Structures are given as structure tokens and as C-alpha cells.
Amino acid sequence: MFNPFDNLFTPFSYIYSKMLKMKTKHIFALLAMATLVFTASCNKNNGCSRSEKGIVRDFSDSDTCGIVVELVEESMYLEPTNLSEFQTFEDGDLVWVSYKETAGASICGLGEVVQFRCLVPREF
């Protein structure tokens, strides 16, 4: 049996299905971009793996000390043997630091003698 209203809604259903596909593509693209932004912003320690928060302290005014890094969470000082391999920092600069302990006597007597693996600035 012929129904004249069947053909009336066919163009609308076609348009609706196209709009639904477009919405799906837009939602997928939005989710993909959000994932990329989230992943890029997850680099908490500025590329310095297994690092700790530190503050640069300048004890250059004493006869035996120079630049050391104070670990924030452990309240201890690190005396680097290879500080010249990294960029220059000033007293009070916030840094991410990754290190390994090395043999040697402390010249300063403030903390552990270490070799820095990574030393990069941090924002807060």
C-alpha cells in the first residue's frame, strides 16, 4: 500500500544521518586533540626522569663551597662534581635534579657528593 508520507521523511532522515556522522567525526577529533594536549602537559619534571625537586643554593662566599642543590622534600644538600656540564643557575633557582652518588670527600661538608644526571629548571 502506498503511503505519501514515507517519501516525505526520507530526505530528512538522510540529512540527519549525515549530521550524526559529522558530529561523530568532530567529537572524535576533539577527543584526539584533548588527549594530545593532556599527554604533552604531563611532562611534570621537564624531561628529567626520576628527578626530585631542588633549590639552587650559592655558598660561593665561603672559602670551600660553591653551588649546591638543596633537595626540597629531603632537606639535604647535594654537592655536584659535574656542575659545569649544565646551564648556569643562580641562588634560589628552582630545579629538577636527577643524580647518582659518587665516591669522594665532601669539600663543603654540607651534603652528599654526587654526579648530576639531569639538572633542568622548574616553574614551581
PDB file of N, CA and C in Angstrom:
ATOM      1  N   MET A   1       0.828  -1.172   0.000  1.00  0.00           N
ATOM      2  CA  MET A   1       0.000   0.000   0.000  1.00  0.00           C
ATOM      3  C   MET A   1       0.881   1.246   0.000  1.00  0.00           C
ATOM      4  N   PHE A   2       0.529   2.194  -0.769  1.00  0.00           N
ATOM      5  CA  PHE A   2       1.294   3.419  -0.945  1.00  0.00           C
ATOM      6  C   PHE A   2       0.953   4.428   0.152  1.00  0.00           C
ATOM      7  N   ASN A   3       2.009   4.951   0.796  1.00  0.00           N
ATOM      8  CA  ASN A   3       1.828   5.972   1.820  1.00  0.00           C
ATOM      9  C   ASN A   3       2.600   7.217   1.361  1.00  0.00           C
ATOM     10  N   PRO A   4       1.934   8.319   1.124  1.00  0.00           N
ATOM     11  CA  PRO A   4       2.616   9.513   0.607  1.00  0.00           C
ATOM     12  C   PRO A   4       3.579  10.142   1.611  1.00  0.00           C
ATOM     13  N   PHE A   5       3.413   9.835   2.880  1.00  0.00           N
ATOM     14  CA  PHE A   5       4.283  10.439   3.903  1.00  0.00           C
ATOM     15  C   PHE A   5       5.627   9.717   4.035  1.00  0.00           C
ATOM     16  N   ASP A   6       5.751   8.497   3.472  1.00  0.00           N
ATOM     17  CA  ASP A   6       7.018   7.768   3.530  1.00  0.00           C
ATOM     18  C   ASP A   6       8.120   8.532   2.817  1.00  0.00           C
ATOM     19  N   ASN A   7       7.842   9.024   1.652  1.00  0.00           N
ATOM     20  CA  ASN A   7       8.846   9.746   0.868  1.00  0.00           C
ATOM     21  C   ASN A   7       9.116  11.143   1.413  1.00  0.00           C
ATOM     22  N   LEU A   8       8.190  11.656   2.192  1.00  0.00           N
ATOM     23  CA  LEU A   8       8.343  12.999   2.745  1.00  0.00           C
ATOM     24  C   LEU A   8       9.469  13.053   3.774  1.00  0.00           C
ATOM     25  N   PHE A   9       9.637  11.998   4.579  1.00  0.00           N
ATOM     26  CA  PHE A   9      10.646  11.998   5.638  1.00  0.00           C
ATOM     27  C   PHE A   9      11.991  11.429   5.211  1.00  0.00           C
ATOM     28  N   THR A  10      12.088  10.855   4.056  1.00  0.00           N
ATOM     29  CA  THR A  10      13.337  10.256   3.587  1.00  0.00           C
ATOM     30  C   THR A  10      14.458  11.281   3.465  1.00  0.00           C
ATOM     31  N   PRO A  11      14.256  12.462   2.877  1.00  0.00           N
ATOM     32  CA  PRO A  11      15.341  13.438   2.804  1.00  0.00           C
ATOM     33  C   PRO A  11      15.796  13.891   4.189  1.00  0.00           C
ATOM     34  N   PHE A  12      14.864  14.014   5.123  1.00  0.00           N
ATOM     35  CA  PHE A  12      15.232  14.453   6.465  1.00  0.00           C
ATOM     36  C   PHE A  12      16.058  13.388   7.187  1.00  0.00           C
ATOM     37  N   SER A  13      15.724  12.140   7.006  1.00  0.00           N
ATOM     38  CA  SER A  13      16.490  11.079   7.658  1.00  0.00           C
ATOM     39  C   SER A  13      17.890  10.994   7.051  1.00  0.00           C
ATOM     40  N   TYR A  14      18.000  11.249   5.748  1.00  0.00           N
ATOM     41  CA  TYR A  14      19.309  11.257   5.096  1.00  0.00           C
ATOM     42  C   TYR A  14      20.179  12.385   5.669  1.00  0.00           C
ATOM     43  N   ILE A  15      19.594  13.569   5.773  1.00  0.00           N
ATOM     44  CA  ILE A  15      20.317  14.723   6.313  1.00  0.00           C
ATOM     45  C   ILE A  15      20.687  14.483   7.775  1.00  0.00           C
ATOM     46  N   TYR A  16      19.782  13.920   8.539  1.00  0.00           N
ATOM     47  CA  TYR A  16      20.040  13.632   9.943  1.00  0.00           C
ATOM     48  C   TYR A  16      21.198  12.633  10.099  1.00  0.00           C
ATOM     49  N   SER A  17      21.223  11.606   9.255  1.00  0.00           N
ATOM     50  CA  SER A  17      22.305  10.617   9.347  1.00  0.00           C
ATOM     51  C   SER A  17      23.648  11.256   8.983  1.00  0.00           C
ATOM     52  N   LYS A  18      23.661  12.173   8.012  1.00  0.00           N
ATOM     53  CA  LYS A  18      24.890  12.879   7.648  1.00  0.00           C
ATOM     54  C   LYS A  18      25.367  13.777   8.802  1.00  0.00           C
ATOM     55  N   MET A  19      24.415  14.460   9.427  1.00  0.00           N
ATOM     56  CA  MET A  19      24.764  15.328  10.548  1.00  0.00           C
ATOM     57  C   MET A  19      25.323  14.506  11.710  1.00  0.00           C
ATOM     58  N   LEU A  20      24.743  13.347  11.941  1.00  0.00           N
ATOM     59  CA  LEU A  20      25.202  12.479  13.011  1.00  0.00           C
ATOM     60  C   LEU A  20      26.627  11.998  12.741  1.00  0.00           C
ATOM     61  N   LYS A  21      26.934  11.671  11.499  1.00  0.00           N
ATOM     62  CA  LYS A  21      28.288  11.256  11.143  1.00  0.00           C
ATOM     63  C   LYS A  21      29.277  12.405  11.333  1.00  0.00           C
ATOM     64  N   MET A  22      28.859  13.616  10.952  1.00  0.00           N
ATOM     65  CA  MET A  22      29.729  14.776  11.120  1.00  0.00           C
ATOM     66  C   MET A  22      29.992  15.035  12.598  1.00  0.00           C
ATOM     67  N   LYS A  23      28.961  14.928  13.414  1.00  0.00           N
ATOM     68  CA  LYS A  23      29.135  15.135  14.851  1.00  0.00           C
ATOM     69  C   LYS A  23      30.101  14.100  15.422  1.00  0.00           C
ATOM     70  N   THR A  24      29.982  12.871  14.983  1.00  0.00           N
ATOM     71  CA  THR A  24      30.857  11.816  15.466  1.00  0.00           C
ATOM     72  C   THR A  24      32.299  12.121  15.100  1.00  0.00           C
ATOM     73  N   LYS A  25      32.536  12.588  13.880  1.00  0.00           N
ATOM     74  CA  LYS A  25      33.889  12.935  13.452  1.00  0.00           C
ATOM     75  C   LYS A  25      34.445  14.095  14.282  1.00  0.00           C
ATOM     76  N   HIS A  26      33.603  15.092  14.536  1.00  0.00           N
ATOM     77  CA  HIS A  26      34.041  16.241  15.317  1.00  0.00           C
ATOM     78  C   HIS A  26      34.342  15.839  16.754  1.00  0.00           C
ATOM     79  N   ILE A  27      33.517  15.013  17.322  1.00  0.00           N
ATOM     80  CA  ILE A  27      33.744  14.560  18.695  1.00  0.00           C
ATOM     81  C   ILE A  27      35.032  13.749  18.765  1.00  0.00           C
ATOM     82  N   PHE A  28      35.249  12.876  17.798  1.00  0.00           N
ATOM     83  CA  PHE A  28      36.474  12.087  17.771  1.00  0.00           C
ATOM     84  C   PHE A  28      37.703  12.989  17.646  1.00  0.00           C
ATOM     85  N   ALA A  29      37.629  13.974  16.771  1.00  0.00           N
ATOM     86  CA  ALA A  29      38.753  14.898  16.594  1.00  0.00           C
ATOM     87  C   ALA A  29      39.009  15.692  17.871  1.00  0.00           C
ATOM     88  N   LEU A  30      37.960  16.119  18.531  1.00  0.00           N
ATOM     89  CA  LEU A  30      38.094  16.866  19.772  1.00  0.00           C
ATOM     90  C   LEU A  30      38.736  15.997  20.854  1.00  0.00           C
ATOM     91  N   LEU A  31      38.317  14.762  20.960  1.00  0.00           N
ATOM     92  CA  LEU A  31      38.909  13.853  21.939  1.00  0.00           C
ATOM     93  C   LEU A  31      40.377  13.576  21.627  1.00  0.00           C
ATOM     94  N   ALA A  32      40.703  13.429  20.360  1.00  0.00           N
ATOM     95  CA  ALA A  32      42.088  13.194  19.974  1.00  0.00           C
ATOM     96  C   ALA A  32      42.967  14.391  20.337  1.00  0.00           C
ATOM     97  N   MET A  33      42.483  15.591  20.089  1.00  0.00           N
ATOM     98  CA  MET A  33      43.256  16.792  20.428  1.00  0.00           C
ATOM     99  C   MET A  33      43.406  16.935  21.933  1.00  0.00           C
ATOM    100  N   ALA A  34      42.348  16.657  22.674  1.00  0.00           N
ATOM    101  CA  ALA A  34      42.420  16.745  24.134  1.00  0.00           C
ATOM    102  C   ALA A  34      43.434  15.750  24.686  1.00  0.00           C
ATOM    103  N   THR A  35      43.485  14.572  24.107  1.00  0.00           N
ATOM    104  CA  THR A  35      44.453  13.566  24.536  1.00  0.00           C
ATOM    105  C   THR A  35      45.875  14.029  24.267  1.00  0.00           C
ATOM    106  N   LEU A  36      46.106  14.620  23.111  1.00  0.00           N
ATOM    107  CA  LEU A  36      47.437  15.125  22.784  1.00  0.00           C
ATOM    108  C   LEU A  36      47.867  16.241  23.731  1.00  0.00           C
ATOM    109  N   VAL A  37      46.967  17.158  24.010  1.00  0.00           N
ATOM    110  CA  VAL A  37      47.286  18.270  24.908  1.00  0.00           C
ATOM    111  C   VAL A  37      47.570  17.738  26.309  1.00  0.00           C
ATOM    112  N   PHE A  38      46.753  16.808  26.779  1.00  0.00           N
ATOM    113  CA  PHE A  38      46.948  16.241  28.106  1.00  0.00           C
ATOM    114  C   PHE A  38      48.274  15.504  28.189  1.00  0.00           C
ATOM    115  N   THR A  39      48.597  14.735  27.172  1.00  0.00           N
ATOM    116  CA  THR A  39      49.842  13.982  27.161  1.00  0.00           C
ATOM    117  C   THR A  39      51.042  14.923  27.141  1.00  0.00           C
ATOM    118  N   ALA A  40      50.955  15.971  26.372  1.00  0.00           N
ATOM    119  CA  ALA A  40      52.069  16.916  26.281  1.00  0.00           C
ATOM    120  C   ALA A  40      52.265  17.671  27.588  1.00  0.00           C
ATOM    121  N   SER A  41      51.188  17.934  28.300  1.00  0.00           N
ATOM    122  CA  SER A  41      51.306  18.689  29.543  1.00  0.00           C
ATOM    123  C   SER A  41      51.644  17.805  30.728  1.00  0.00           C
ATOM    124  N   CYS A  42      51.730  16.501  30.528  1.00  0.00           N
ATOM    125  CA  CYS A  42      52.041  15.588  31.623  1.00  0.00           C
ATOM    126  C   CYS A  42      53.528  15.507  31.920  1.00  0.00           C
ATOM    127  N   ASN A  43      54.331  16.197  31.197  1.00  0.00           N
ATOM    128  CA  ASN A  43      55.762  16.158  31.431  1.00  0.00           C
ATOM    129  C   ASN A  43      56.079  17.010  32.649  1.00  0.00           C
ATOM    130  N   LYS A  44      55.818  16.477  33.808  1.00  0.00           N
ATOM    131  CA  LYS A  44      55.896  17.234  35.043  1.00  0.00           C
ATOM    132  C   LYS A  44      57.312  17.694  35.387  1.00  0.00           C
ATOM    133  N   ASN A  45      58.273  16.868  35.085  1.00  0.00           N
ATOM    134  CA  ASN A  45      59.624  17.183  35.518  1.00  0.00           C
ATOM    135  C   ASN A  45      60.520  17.655  34.388  1.00  0.00           C
ATOM    136  N   ASN A  46      59.942  18.188  33.364  1.00  0.00           N
ATOM    137  CA  ASN A  46      60.681  18.870  32.292  1.00  0.00           C
ATOM    138  C   ASN A  46      61.675  17.957  31.573  1.00  0.00           C
ATOM    139  N   GLY A  47      61.336  16.681  31.462  1.00  0.00           N
ATOM    140  CA  GLY A  47      62.187  15.744  30.741  1.00  0.00           C
ATOM    141  C   GLY A  47      63.286  15.114  31.569  1.00  0.00           C
ATOM    142  N   CYS A  48      63.321  15.386  32.835  1.00  0.00           N
ATOM    143  CA  CYS A  48      64.345  14.862  33.731  1.00  0.00           C
ATOM    144  C   CYS A  48      63.742  13.665  34.476  1.00  0.00           C
ATOM    145  N   SER A  49      64.008  12.453  33.978  1.00  0.00           N
ATOM    146  CA  SER A  49      63.349  11.280  34.538  1.00  0.00           C
ATOM    147  C   SER A  49      63.852  10.955  35.952  1.00  0.00           C
ATOM    148  N   ARG A  50      62.963  10.434  36.737  1.00  0.00           N
ATOM    149  CA  ARG A  50      63.230  10.066  38.137  1.00  0.00           C
ATOM    150  C   ARG A  50      63.949  11.181  38.889  1.00  0.00           C
ATOM    151  N   SER A  51      63.411  12.361  38.780  1.00  0.00           N
ATOM    152  CA  SER A  51      64.056  13.519  39.378  1.00  0.00           C
ATOM    153  C   SER A  51      63.336  13.957  40.643  1.00  0.00           C
ATOM    154  N   GLU A  52      64.001  14.822  41.360  1.00  0.00           N
ATOM    155  CA  GLU A  52      63.463  15.374  42.599  1.00  0.00           C
ATOM    156  C   GLU A  52      63.496  16.894  42.523  1.00  0.00           C
ATOM    157  N   LYS A  53      62.643  17.514  43.319  1.00  0.00           N
ATOM    158  CA  LYS A  53      62.615  18.983  43.373  1.00  0.00           C
ATOM    159  C   LYS A  53      63.817  19.485  44.157  1.00  0.00           C
ATOM    160  N   GLY A  54      64.442  20.508  43.615  1.00  0.00           N
ATOM    161  CA  GLY A  54      65.590  21.095  44.289  1.00  0.00           C
ATOM    162  C   GLY A  54      65.599  22.608  44.179  1.00  0.00           C
ATOM    163  N   ILE A  55      66.395  23.218  45.039  1.00  0.00           N
ATOM    164  CA  ILE A  55      66.606  24.665  45.013  1.00  0.00           C
ATOM    165  C   ILE A  55      68.112  24.900  44.980  1.00  0.00           C
ATOM    166  N   VAL A  56      68.559  25.722  44.053  1.00  0.00           N
ATOM    167  CA  VAL A  56      69.981  26.035  43.934  1.00  0.00           C
ATOM    168  C   VAL A  56      70.374  26.978  45.069  1.00  0.00           C
ATOM    169  N   ARG A  57      71.454  26.635  45.728  1.00  0.00           N
ATOM    170  CA  ARG A  57      71.984  27.478  46.802  1.00  0.00           C
ATOM    171  C   ARG A  57      73.433  27.834  46.463  1.00  0.00           C
ATOM    172  N   ASP A  58      73.766  29.102  46.582  1.00  0.00           N
ATOM    173  CA  ASP A  58      75.109  29.586  46.252  1.00  0.00           C
ATOM    174  C   ASP A  58      75.860  29.898  47.546  1.00  0.00           C
ATOM    175  N   PHE A  59      76.850  29.055  47.849  1.00  0.00           N
ATOM    176  CA  PHE A  59      77.701  29.267  49.014  1.00  0.00           C
ATOM    177  C   PHE A  59      79.103  29.676  48.572  1.00  0.00           C
ATOM    178  N   SER A  60      79.181  30.379  47.453  1.00  0.00           N
ATOM    179  CA  SER A  60      80.477  30.801  46.903  1.00  0.00           C
ATOM    180  C   SER A  60      81.208  31.792  47.798  1.00  0.00           C
ATOM    181  N   ASP A  61      80.497  32.452  48.673  1.00  0.00           N
ATOM    182  CA  ASP A  61      81.137  33.431  49.540  1.00  0.00           C
ATOM    183  C   ASP A  61      82.002  32.768  50.615  1.00  0.00           C
ATOM    184  N   SER A  62      81.807  31.472  50.868  1.00  0.00           N
ATOM    185  CA  SER A  62      82.692  30.768  51.802  1.00  0.00           C
ATOM    186  C   SER A  62      83.923  30.291  51.036  1.00  0.00           C
ATOM    187  N   ASP A  63      84.962  29.916  51.739  1.00  0.00           N
ATOM    188  CA  ASP A  63      86.228  29.532  51.099  1.00  0.00           C
ATOM    189  C   ASP A  63      86.157  28.189  50.384  1.00  0.00           C
ATOM    190  N   THR A  64      85.342  27.255  50.870  1.00  0.00           N
ATOM    191  CA  THR A  64      85.386  25.895  50.342  1.00  0.00           C
ATOM    192  C   THR A  64      84.169  25.506  49.513  1.00  0.00           C
ATOM    193  N   CYS A  65      83.096  26.211  49.634  1.00  0.00           N
ATOM    194  CA  CYS A  65      81.848  25.811  48.956  1.00  0.00           C
ATOM    195  C   CYS A  65      81.624  26.589  47.674  1.00  0.00           C
ATOM    196  N   GLY A  66      80.716  26.078  46.903  1.00  0.00           N
ATOM    197  CA  GLY A  66      80.289  26.751  45.680  1.00  0.00           C
ATOM    198  C   GLY A  66      78.796  26.603  45.548  1.00  0.00           C
ATOM    199  N   ILE A  67      78.348  26.203  44.378  1.00  0.00           N
ATOM    200  CA  ILE A  67      76.935  25.973  44.130  1.00  0.00           C
ATOM    201  C   ILE A  67      76.561  24.572  44.593  1.00  0.00           C
ATOM    202  N   VAL A  68      75.503  24.464  45.383  1.00  0.00           N
ATOM    203  CA  VAL A  68      74.957  23.181  45.805  1.00  0.00           C
ATOM    204  C   VAL A  68      73.462  23.201  45.525  1.00  0.00           C
ATOM    205  N   VAL A  69      72.847  22.030  45.549  1.00  0.00           N
ATOM    206  CA  VAL A  69      71.402  21.936  45.346  1.00  0.00           C
ATOM    207  C   VAL A  69      70.785  21.353  46.607  1.00  0.00           C
ATOM    208  N   GLU A  70      69.807  22.061  47.136  1.00  0.00           N
ATOM    209  CA  GLU A  70      69.068  21.582  48.311  1.00  0.00           C
ATOM    210  C   GLU A  70      67.850  20.804  47.826  1.00  0.00           C
ATOM    211  N   LEU A  71      67.726  19.565  48.259  1.00  0.00           N
ATOM    212  CA  LEU A  71      66.540  18.775  47.925  1.00  0.00           C
ATOM    213  C   LEU A  71      65.401  19.222  48.814  1.00  0.00           C
ATOM    214  N   VAL A  72      64.287  19.579  48.194  1.00  0.00           N
ATOM    215  CA  VAL A  72      63.169  20.165  48.918  1.00  0.00           C
ATOM    216  C   VAL A  72      62.532  19.165  49.879  1.00  0.00           C
ATOM    217  N   GLU A  73      62.249  17.974  49.397  1.00  0.00           N
ATOM    218  CA  GLU A  73      61.497  17.015  50.197  1.00  0.00           C
ATOM    219  C   GLU A  73      62.350  16.294  51.236  1.00  0.00           C
ATOM    220  N   GLU A  74      63.662  16.267  51.054  1.00  0.00           N
ATOM    221  CA  GLU A  74      64.524  15.546  51.984  1.00  0.00           C
ATOM    222  C   GLU A  74      65.344  16.472  52.866  1.00  0.00           C
ATOM    223  N   SER A  75      65.309  17.745  52.608  1.00  0.00           N
ATOM    224  CA  SER A  75      66.076  18.738  53.362  1.00  0.00           C
ATOM    225  C   SER A  75      67.547  18.358  53.498  1.00  0.00           C
ATOM    226  N   MET A  76      68.147  18.002  52.373  1.00  0.00           N
ATOM    227  CA  MET A  76      69.577  17.706  52.355  1.00  0.00           C
ATOM    228  C   MET A  76      70.211  18.393  51.156  1.00  0.00           C
ATOM    229  N   TYR A  77      71.526  18.533  51.193  1.00  0.00           N
ATOM    230  CA  TYR A  77      72.254  19.215  50.131  1.00  0.00           C
ATOM    231  C   TYR A  77      73.002  18.213  49.262  1.00  0.00           C
ATOM    232  N   LEU A  78      73.122  18.548  47.976  1.00  0.00           N
ATOM    233  CA  LEU A  78      73.896  17.762  47.028  1.00  0.00           C
ATOM    234  C   LEU A  78      75.049  18.614  46.540  1.00  0.00           C
ATOM    235  N   GLU A  79      76.257  18.060  46.618  1.00  0.00           N
ATOM    236  CA  GLU A  79      77.440  18.748  46.111  1.00  0.00           C
ATOM    237  C   GLU A  79      77.847  18.088  44.799  1.00  0.00           C
ATOM    238  N   PRO A  80      77.589  18.744  43.669  1.00  0.00           N
ATOM    239  CA  PRO A  80      77.853  18.114  42.368  1.00  0.00           C
ATOM    240  C   PRO A  80      79.328  18.156  41.980  1.00  0.00           C
ATOM    241  N   THR A  81      79.747  17.097  41.304  1.00  0.00           N
ATOM    242  CA  THR A  81      81.113  17.059  40.776  1.00  0.00           C
ATOM    243  C   THR A  81      81.152  17.530  39.324  1.00  0.00           C
ATOM    244  N   ASN A  82      79.992  17.584  38.675  1.00  0.00           N
ATOM    245  CA  ASN A  82      79.947  17.904  37.238  1.00  0.00           C
ATOM    246  C   ASN A  82      78.992  19.055  36.917  1.00  0.00           C
ATOM    247  N   LEU A  83      78.936  20.041  37.768  1.00  0.00           N
ATOM    248  CA  LEU A  83      78.010  21.162  37.575  1.00  0.00           C
ATOM    249  C   LEU A  83      78.297  21.932  36.287  1.00  0.00           C
ATOM    250  N   SER A  84      79.527  21.953  35.842  1.00  0.00           N
ATOM    251  CA  SER A  84      79.893  22.718  34.641  1.00  0.00           C
ATOM    252  C   SER A  84      79.274  22.141  33.365  1.00  0.00           C
ATOM    253  N   GLU A  85      78.751  20.915  33.423  1.00  0.00           N
ATOM    254  CA  GLU A  85      78.128  20.288  32.250  1.00  0.00           C
ATOM    255  C   GLU A  85      76.708  20.801  31.992  1.00  0.00           C
ATOM    256  N   PHE A  86      76.170  21.564  32.919  1.00  0.00           N
ATOM    257  CA  PHE A  86      74.789  22.032  32.821  1.00  0.00           C
ATOM    258  C   PHE A  86      74.750  23.548  32.738  1.00  0.00           C
ATOM    259  N   GLN A  87      73.563  24.067  32.426  1.00  0.00           N
ATOM    260  CA  GLN A  87      73.425  25.520  32.306  1.00  0.00           C
ATOM    261  C   GLN A  87      73.694  26.191  33.648  1.00  0.00           C
ATOM    262  N   THR A  88      73.956  27.463  33.623  1.00  0.00           N
ATOM    263  CA  THR A  88      74.264  28.223  34.826  1.00  0.00           C
ATOM    264  C   THR A  88      72.987  28.562  35.585  1.00  0.00           C
ATOM    265  N   PHE A  89      73.024  28.355  36.881  1.00  0.00           N
ATOM    266  CA  PHE A  89      71.887  28.686  37.741  1.00  0.00           C
ATOM    267  C   PHE A  89      72.336  29.671  38.803  1.00  0.00           C
ATOM    268  N   GLU A  90      71.361  30.405  39.342  1.00  0.00           N
ATOM    269  CA  GLU A  90      71.649  31.378  40.390  1.00  0.00           C
ATOM    270  C   GLU A  90      71.007  30.931  41.696  1.00  0.00           C
ATOM    271  N   ASP A  91      71.429  31.551  42.778  1.00  0.00           N
ATOM    272  CA  ASP A  91      70.896  31.229  44.099  1.00  0.00           C
ATOM    273  C   ASP A  91      69.372  31.393  44.120  1.00  0.00           C
ATOM    274  N   GLY A  92      68.682  30.364  44.579  1.00  0.00           N
ATOM    275  CA  GLY A  92      67.226  30.425  44.684  1.00  0.00           C
ATOM    276  C   GLY A  92      66.483  29.852  43.489  1.00  0.00           C
ATOM    277  N   ASP A  93      67.191  29.517  42.408  1.00  0.00           N
ATOM    278  CA  ASP A  93      66.523  28.933  41.238  1.00  0.00           C
ATOM    279  C   ASP A  93      65.918  27.578  41.601  1.00  0.00           C
ATOM    280  N   LEU A  94      64.721  27.329  41.082  1.00  0.00           N
ATOM    281  CA  LEU A  94      64.044  26.055  41.290  1.00  0.00           C
ATOM    282  C   LEU A  94      64.433  25.103  40.173  1.00  0.00           C
ATOM    283  N   VAL A  95      64.791  23.864  40.533  1.00  0.00           N
ATOM    284  CA  VAL A  95      65.274  22.903  39.541  1.00  0.00           C
ATOM    285  C   VAL A  95      64.693  21.517  39.785  1.00  0.00           C
ATOM    286  N   TRP A  96      64.711  20.715  38.723  1.00  0.00           N
ATOM    287  CA  TRP A  96      64.518  19.270  38.809  1.00  0.00           C
ATOM    288  C   TRP A  96      65.907  18.677  38.736  1.00  0.00           C
ATOM    289  N   VAL A  97      66.225  17.744  39.614  1.00  0.00           N
ATOM    290  CA  VAL A  97      67.559  17.162  39.629  1.00  0.00           C
ATOM    291  C   VAL A  97      67.480  15.641  39.726  1.00  0.00           C
ATOM    292  N   SER A  98      68.281  14.995  38.916  1.00  0.00           N
ATOM    293  CA  SER A  98      68.459  13.548  38.971  1.00  0.00           C
ATOM    294  C   SER A  98      69.953  13.320  39.142  1.00  0.00           C
ATOM    295  N   TYR A  99      70.339  12.411  40.020  1.00  0.00           N
ATOM    296  CA  TYR A  99      71.752  12.265  40.356  1.00  0.00           C
ATOM    297  C   TYR A  99      72.075  10.836  40.757  1.00  0.00           C
ATOM    298  N   LYS A 100      73.378  10.564  40.829  1.00  0.00           N
ATOM    299  CA  LYS A 100      73.845   9.308  41.416  1.00  0.00           C
ATOM    300  C   LYS A 100      74.984   9.646  42.366  1.00  0.00           C
ATOM    301  N   GLU A 101      75.059   8.890  43.434  1.00  0.00           N
ATOM    302  CA  GLU A 101      76.104   9.122  44.420  1.00  0.00           C
ATOM    303  C   GLU A 101      77.453   8.711  43.835  1.00  0.00           C
ATOM    304  N   THR A 102      78.476   9.455  44.185  1.00  0.00           N
ATOM    305  CA  THR A 102      79.824   9.130  43.724  1.00  0.00           C
ATOM    306  C   THR A 102      80.761   9.078  44.921  1.00  0.00           C
ATOM    307  N   ALA A 103      81.861   8.420  44.720  1.00  0.00           N
ATOM    308  CA  ALA A 103      82.864   8.349  45.779  1.00  0.00           C
ATOM    309  C   ALA A 103      83.610   9.674  45.833  1.00  0.00           C
ATOM    310  N   GLY A 104      84.010  10.058  46.993  1.00  0.00           N
ATOM    311  CA  GLY A 104      84.762  11.295  47.143  1.00  0.00           C
ATOM    312  C   GLY A 104      84.417  11.970  48.448  1.00  0.00           C
ATOM    313  N   ALA A 105      85.305  12.797  48.866  1.00  0.00           N
ATOM    314  CA  ALA A 105      85.112  13.520  50.122  1.00  0.00           C
ATOM    315  C   ALA A 105      84.418  14.845  49.842  1.00  0.00           C
ATOM    316  N   SER A 106      83.593  15.227  50.751  1.00  0.00           N
ATOM    317  CA  SER A 106      82.886  16.493  50.629  1.00  0.00           C
ATOM    318  C   SER A 106      83.825  17.637  50.967  1.00  0.00           C
ATOM    319  N   ILE A 107      83.945  18.585  50.061  1.00  0.00           N
ATOM    320  CA  ILE A 107      84.772  19.764  50.308  1.00  0.00           C
ATOM    321  C   ILE A 107      84.029  20.727  51.218  1.00  0.00           C
ATOM    322  N   CYS A 108      82.751  20.827  50.988  1.00  0.00           N
ATOM    323  CA  CYS A 108      81.910  21.776  51.718  1.00  0.00           C
ATOM    324  C   CYS A 108      81.507  21.259  53.091  1.00  0.00           C
ATOM    325  N   GLY A 109      81.258  19.979  53.156  1.00  0.00           N
ATOM    326  CA  GLY A 109      80.785  19.405  54.410  1.00  0.00           C
ATOM    327  C   GLY A 109      79.293  19.598  54.624  1.00  0.00           C
ATOM    328  N   LEU A 110      78.566  19.981  53.567  1.00  0.00           N
ATOM    329  CA  LEU A 110      77.132  20.216  53.698  1.00  0.00           C
ATOM    330  C   LEU A 110      76.277  18.993  53.378  1.00  0.00           C
ATOM    331  N   GLY A 111      76.725  18.188  52.419  1.00  0.00           N
ATOM    332  CA  GLY A 111      75.860  17.096  51.981  1.00  0.00           C
ATOM    333  C   GLY A 111      76.614  16.019  51.237  1.00  0.00           C
ATOM    334  N   GLU A 112      75.883  15.287  50.401  1.00  0.00           N
ATOM    335  CA  GLU A 112      76.444  14.174  49.654  1.00  0.00           C
ATOM    336  C   GLU A 112      77.154  14.660  48.392  1.00  0.00           C
ATOM    337  N   VAL A 113      78.242  13.987  48.059  1.00  0.00           N
ATOM    338  CA  VAL A 113      78.944  14.259  46.808  1.00  0.00           C
ATOM    339  C   VAL A 113      78.267  13.401  45.741  1.00  0.00           C
ATOM    340  N   VAL A 114      77.793  14.054  44.675  1.00  0.00           N
ATOM    341  CA  VAL A 114      77.015  13.363  43.648  1.00  0.00           C
ATOM    342  C   VAL A 114      77.455  13.785  42.254  1.00  0.00           C
ATOM    343  N   GLN A 115      77.017  12.993  41.291  1.00  0.00           N
ATOM    344  CA  GLN A 115      77.172  13.356  39.884  1.00  0.00           C
ATOM    345  C   GLN A 115      75.771  13.558  39.332  1.00  0.00           C
ATOM    346  N   PHE A 116      75.514  14.735  38.795  1.00  0.00           N
ATOM    347  CA  PHE A 116      74.189  15.022  38.245  1.00  0.00           C
ATOM    348  C   PHE A 116      74.007  14.277  36.934  1.00  0.00           C
ATOM    349  N   ARG A 117      72.871  13.646  36.793  1.00  0.00           N
ATOM    350  CA  ARG A 117      72.482  13.041  35.518  1.00  0.00           C
ATOM    351  C   ARG A 117      71.658  14.035  34.708  1.00  0.00           C
ATOM    352  N   CYS A 118      70.870  14.805  35.438  1.00  0.00           N
ATOM    353  CA  CYS A 118      69.981  15.774  34.797  1.00  0.00           C
ATOM    354  C   CYS A 118      69.767  16.929  35.757  1.00  0.00           C
ATOM    355  N   LEU A 119      69.777  18.138  35.238  1.00  0.00           N
ATOM    356  CA  LEU A 119      69.522  19.338  36.027  1.00  0.00           C
ATOM    357  C   LEU A 119      68.843  20.346  35.129  1.00  0.00           C
ATOM    358  N   VAL A 120      67.543  20.550  35.342  1.00  0.00           N
ATOM    359  CA  VAL A 120      66.763  21.453  34.495  1.00  0.00           C
ATOM    360  C   VAL A 120      65.912  22.369  35.371  1.00  0.00           C
ATOM    361  N   PRO A 121      65.567  23.549  34.854  1.00  0.00           N
ATOM    362  CA  PRO A 121      64.727  24.466  35.629  1.00  0.00           C
ATOM    363  C   PRO A 121      63.316  23.936  35.822  1.00  0.00           C
ATOM    364  N   ARG A 122      62.679  24.337  36.902  1.00  0.00           N
ATOM    365  CA  ARG A 122      61.257  24.039  37.117  1.00  0.00           C
ATOM    366  C   ARG A 122      60.547  25.331  37.471  1.00  0.00           C
ATOM    367  N   GLU A 123      59.243  25.338  37.304  1.00  0.00           N
ATOM    368  CA  GLU A 123      58.477  26.574  37.488  1.00  0.00           C
ATOM    369  C   GLU A 123      58.024  26.817  38.916  1.00  0.00           C
ATOM    370  N   PHE A 124      57.652  25.787  39.627  1.00  0.00           N
ATOM    371  CA  PHE A 124      57.163  25.967  40.993  1.00  0.00           C
ATOM    372  C   PHE A 124      57.437  24.751  41.815  1.00  0.00           C
TER     373      PHE A 124
END
